[in-house]
Amino acid sequence: MALSTGSTYNQPWRGQEGKSTPIQERDMQVKKIRDDLAKANSILIVGCGATGLESAGWLKDKYPSKKIAVCQRGKVLFPNFPGAHDVALQAL
């Protein structure tokens, strides 16, 4: 499972202030996430902002046979970018 929620990230995606995780531990965490993604039949991305849709696009490109779904509150993709909804619909 992958969760994209915007600009606040938990490790291993990005470090947290005041906390330093050794690179070897981060490498193991990322490997586990990638292994889990590779094993999944489908992946749900929660959030249709820039980060969520970018993650969905990357995952579909990386795993074309997997079902990639997005879930959002409201009816507008990229809600913080005026006019981007229609452009995104055409691309998707």
C-alpha atoms as a PDB file:
ATOM      1  CA  MET A   1       0.000   0.000   0.000  1.00  0.00           C
ATOM      2  CA  ALA A   2       1.212   3.502  -0.732  1.00  0.00           C
ATOM      3  CA  LEU A   3      -0.174   6.609   0.906  1.00  0.00           C
ATOM      4  CA  SER A   4       0.387  10.039  -0.601  1.00  0.00           C
ATOM      5  CA  THR A   5      -1.013  12.845   1.476  1.00  0.00           C
ATOM      6  CA  GLY A   6       0.641  15.994   0.199  1.00  0.00           C
ATOM      7  CA  SER A   7       3.675  17.842   1.408  1.00  0.00           C
ATOM      8  CA  THR A   8       4.063  16.216   4.824  1.00  0.00           C
ATOM      9  CA  TYR A   9       6.004  12.974   4.611  1.00  0.00           C
ATOM     10  CA  ASN A  10       6.896  10.268   7.049  1.00  0.00           C
ATOM     11  CA  GLN A  11      10.125   8.394   6.745  1.00  0.00           C
ATOM     12  CA  PRO A  12      11.459   6.785   4.670  1.00  0.00           C
ATOM     13  CA  TRP A  13      10.236   9.205   1.992  1.00  0.00           C
ATOM     14  CA  ARG A  14      11.807  12.202   3.679  1.00  0.00           C
ATOM     15  CA  GLY A  15      13.480  12.714   7.007  1.00  0.00           C
ATOM     16  CA  GLN A  16      11.709  14.249   9.950  1.00  0.00           C
ATOM     17  CA  GLU A  17      13.052  17.286  11.754  1.00  0.00           C
ATOM     18  CA  GLY A  18      15.116  16.417  14.776  1.00  0.00           C
ATOM     19  CA  LYS A  19      15.315  12.761  13.830  1.00  0.00           C
ATOM     20  CA  SER A  20      18.069  11.157  11.847  1.00  0.00           C
ATOM     21  CA  THR A  21      17.691   7.589  10.630  1.00  0.00           C
ATOM     22  CA  PRO A  22      20.832   5.811   9.462  1.00  0.00           C
ATOM     23  CA  ILE A  23      21.008   5.389   5.685  1.00  0.00           C
ATOM     24  CA  GLN A  24      21.103   1.589   5.971  1.00  0.00           C
ATOM     25  CA  GLU A  25      17.807   1.587   7.887  1.00  0.00           C
ATOM     26  CA  ARG A  26      16.194   3.929   5.356  1.00  0.00           C
ATOM     27  CA  ASP A  27      17.412   1.710   2.524  1.00  0.00           C
ATOM     28  CA  MET A  28      15.760  -1.306   4.179  1.00  0.00           C
ATOM     29  CA  GLN A  29      12.503   0.622   4.715  1.00  0.00           C
ATOM     30  CA  VAL A  30      12.391   1.735   1.078  1.00  0.00           C
ATOM     31  CA  LYS A  31      13.183  -1.788  -0.137  1.00  0.00           C
ATOM     32  CA  LYS A  32      10.280  -3.177   1.919  1.00  0.00           C
ATOM     33  CA  ILE A  33       7.879  -0.598   0.477  1.00  0.00           C
ATOM     34  CA  ARG A  34       9.050  -1.341  -3.069  1.00  0.00           C
ATOM     35  CA  ASP A  35       8.728  -5.093  -2.457  1.00  0.00           C
ATOM     36  CA  ASP A  36       5.190  -4.596  -1.101  1.00  0.00           C
ATOM     37  CA  LEU A  37       4.260  -2.510  -4.150  1.00  0.00           C
ATOM     38  CA  ALA A  38       5.666  -5.125  -6.513  1.00  0.00           C
ATOM     39  CA  LYS A  39       3.602  -7.876  -4.808  1.00  0.00           C
ATOM     40  CA  ALA A  40       0.320  -5.934  -4.731  1.00  0.00           C
ATOM     41  CA  ASN A  41      -2.402  -6.645  -7.293  1.00  0.00           C
ATOM     42  CA  SER A  42      -3.817  -3.154  -6.898  1.00  0.00           C
ATOM     43  CA  ILE A  43      -2.773   0.093  -5.245  1.00  0.00           C
ATOM     44  CA  LEU A  44      -5.003   2.836  -3.853  1.00  0.00           C
ATOM     45  CA  ILE A  45      -3.679   6.393  -3.672  1.00  0.00           C
ATOM     46  CA  VAL A  46      -5.567   8.572  -1.192  1.00  0.00           C
ATOM     47  CA  GLY A  47      -5.450  12.186  -2.263  1.00  0.00           C
ATOM     48  CA  CYS A  48      -5.644  13.730  -5.736  1.00  0.00           C
ATOM     49  CA  GLY A  49      -3.363  16.674  -5.264  1.00  0.00           C
ATOM     50  CA  ALA A  50      -0.074  17.013  -7.090  1.00  0.00           C
ATOM     51  CA  THR A  51       1.705  14.403  -4.963  1.00  0.00           C
ATOM     52  CA  GLY A  52      -1.072  11.810  -5.116  1.00  0.00           C
ATOM     53  CA  LEU A  53      -1.554  12.031  -8.874  1.00  0.00           C
ATOM     54  CA  GLU A  54       2.173  12.105  -9.528  1.00  0.00           C
ATOM     55  CA  SER A  55       2.515   8.947  -7.419  1.00  0.00           C
ATOM     56  CA  ALA A  56      -0.364   7.279  -9.270  1.00  0.00           C
ATOM     57  CA  GLY A  57       1.180   8.116 -12.643  1.00  0.00           C
ATOM     58  CA  TRP A  58       4.605   6.862 -11.625  1.00  0.00           C
ATOM     59  CA  LEU A  59       3.158   3.628 -10.246  1.00  0.00           C
ATOM     60  CA  LYS A  60       1.118   2.991 -13.416  1.00  0.00           C
ATOM     61  CA  ASP A  61       4.192   3.607 -15.542  1.00  0.00           C
ATOM     62  CA  LYS A  62       6.302   1.310 -13.367  1.00  0.00           C
ATOM     63  CA  TYR A  63       3.617  -1.402 -13.008  1.00  0.00           C
ATOM     64  CA  PRO A  64       1.352  -1.167 -16.092  1.00  0.00           C
ATOM     65  CA  SER A  65      -0.522  -4.388 -15.309  1.00  0.00           C
ATOM     66  CA  LYS A  66      -1.545  -3.271 -11.801  1.00  0.00           C
ATOM     67  CA  LYS A  67      -4.830  -1.574 -11.059  1.00  0.00           C
ATOM     68  CA  ILE A  68      -3.994   1.894  -9.710  1.00  0.00           C
ATOM     69  CA  ALA A  69      -6.885   3.835  -8.179  1.00  0.00           C
ATOM     70  CA  VAL A  70      -7.157   7.277  -6.632  1.00  0.00           C
ATOM     71  CA  CYS A  71      -9.543   8.410  -3.931  1.00  0.00           C
ATOM     72  CA  GLN A  72     -10.336  12.003  -3.107  1.00  0.00           C
ATOM     73  CA  ARG A  73     -12.701  14.212  -1.215  1.00  0.00           C
ATOM     74  CA  GLY A  74     -14.676  16.358  -3.615  1.00  0.00           C
ATOM     75  CA  LYS A  75     -14.965  16.295  -7.383  1.00  0.00           C
ATOM     76  CA  VAL A  76     -11.891  18.251  -8.461  1.00  0.00           C
ATOM     77  CA  LEU A  77      -8.437  16.882  -9.245  1.00  0.00           C
ATOM     78  CA  PHE A  78      -5.551  19.158  -8.245  1.00  0.00           C
ATOM     79  CA  PRO A  79      -7.850  21.319  -6.110  1.00  0.00           C
ATOM     80  CA  ASN A  80      -5.083  23.811  -5.305  1.00  0.00           C
ATOM     81  CA  PHE A  81      -4.287  24.522  -8.973  1.00  0.00           C
ATOM     82  CA  PRO A  82      -7.072  26.451 -10.760  1.00  0.00           C
ATOM     83  CA  GLY A  83      -7.795  25.023 -14.222  1.00  0.00           C
ATOM     84  CA  ALA A  84      -5.645  21.930 -13.713  1.00  0.00           C
ATOM     85  CA  HIS A  85      -8.624  19.599 -13.263  1.00  0.00           C
ATOM     86  CA  ASP A  86      -9.626  19.663 -16.956  1.00  0.00           C
ATOM     87  CA  VAL A  87      -6.028  19.265 -18.122  1.00  0.00           C
ATOM     88  CA  ALA A  88      -5.532  16.288 -15.792  1.00  0.00           C
ATOM     89  CA  LEU A  89      -8.736  14.596 -16.959  1.00  0.00           C
ATOM     90  CA  GLN A  90      -7.566  14.762 -20.570  1.00  0.00           C
ATOM     91  CA  ALA A  91      -4.169  13.300 -19.658  1.00  0.00           C
ATOM     92  CA  LEU A  92      -5.600  10.532 -17.490  1.00  0.00           C
END
